Amino acid sequence: MKFSEMTDENLLALYEDVRQQVELDKQTRGEFRFAGEGVMQHAQLLRKEMDRRQLQYSPIDLDS
């Protein structure tokens, strides 16, 4: 998937989905796993493109 070809809105929506997966992981206290390593790598690529476009987004909080 080429992030550079996506609209700002779609890029932000994908990133928000990942952020919500991490929040769900924190709420289940490890009982379930929604955001694995692959998802986090995907989020890093999304974040790089959003930074390049200077978009505003909520950071992913990995702390419990």
Protein backbone atom coordinates (compact mmCIF):
# COMPACT_ATOMS: atom_id res chain seq x y z
CA MET A 1 0.00 0.00 0.00
CA LYS A 2 1.42 3.36 -0.98
CA PHE A 3 0.62 5.85 1.74
CA SER A 4 1.73 8.72 -0.47
CA GLU A 5 -1.26 8.05 -2.74
CA MET A 6 -3.82 8.10 0.08
CA THR A 7 -5.91 11.07 1.11
CA ASP A 8 -5.14 12.77 4.42
CA GLU A 9 -8.46 11.54 5.80
CA ASN A 10 -7.77 7.89 4.93
CA LEU A 11 -4.27 8.08 6.33
CA LEU A 12 -5.54 9.50 9.61
CA ALA A 13 -8.33 6.90 9.78
CA LEU A 14 -5.86 4.02 9.40
CA TYR A 15 -3.62 5.46 12.11
CA GLU A 16 -6.59 5.97 14.43
CA ASP A 17 -7.55 2.31 13.95
CA VAL A 18 -4.08 1.25 15.11
CA ARG A 19 -4.21 3.63 18.08
CA GLN A 20 -7.55 2.14 19.12
CA GLN A 21 -6.16 -1.40 18.83
CA VAL A 22 -3.37 -0.47 21.23
CA GLU A 23 -5.92 1.02 23.63
CA LEU A 24 -7.93 -2.21 23.51
CA ASP A 25 -4.78 -4.18 24.29
CA LYS A 26 -4.19 -2.02 27.35
CA GLN A 27 -7.79 -2.43 28.54
CA THR A 28 -7.64 -6.24 28.31
CA ARG A 29 -4.32 -6.23 30.21
CA GLY A 30 -2.71 -8.66 27.82
CA GLU A 31 -5.59 -11.14 27.87
CA PHE A 32 -6.20 -10.44 24.18
CA ARG A 33 -3.80 -9.09 21.57
CA PHE A 34 -5.11 -6.71 18.91
CA ALA A 35 -1.95 -4.80 17.96
CA GLY A 36 1.01 -7.05 17.24
CA GLU A 37 4.49 -6.11 16.09
CA GLY A 38 3.39 -5.95 12.44
CA VAL A 39 0.66 -3.48 13.32
CA MET A 40 3.11 -1.27 15.17
CA GLN A 41 5.54 -1.29 12.22
CA HIS A 42 2.61 -0.32 9.98
CA ALA A 43 1.83 2.55 12.36
CA GLN A 44 5.42 3.81 12.16
CA LEU A 45 5.18 4.02 8.38
CA LEU A 46 1.84 5.80 8.65
CA ARG A 47 3.30 8.24 11.18
CA LYS A 48 6.24 9.06 8.90
CA GLU A 49 3.88 9.95 6.08
CA MET A 50 1.63 11.99 8.39
CA ASP A 51 4.67 13.88 9.70
CA ARG A 52 5.80 14.55 6.14
CA ARG A 53 2.35 16.05 5.43
CA GLN A 54 2.40 17.89 8.77
CA LEU A 55 -0.91 16.32 9.86
CA GLN A 56 -2.10 16.47 13.45
CA TYR A 57 -2.75 13.14 15.21
CA SER A 58 -2.93 11.64 18.69
CA PRO A 59 0.21 9.70 19.55
CA ILE A 60 0.01 6.01 20.33
CA ASP A 61 0.56 5.60 24.06
CA LEU A 62 2.33 2.29 24.67
CA ASP A 63 2.48 2.74 28.46
CA SER A 64 -0.05 0.83 30.54
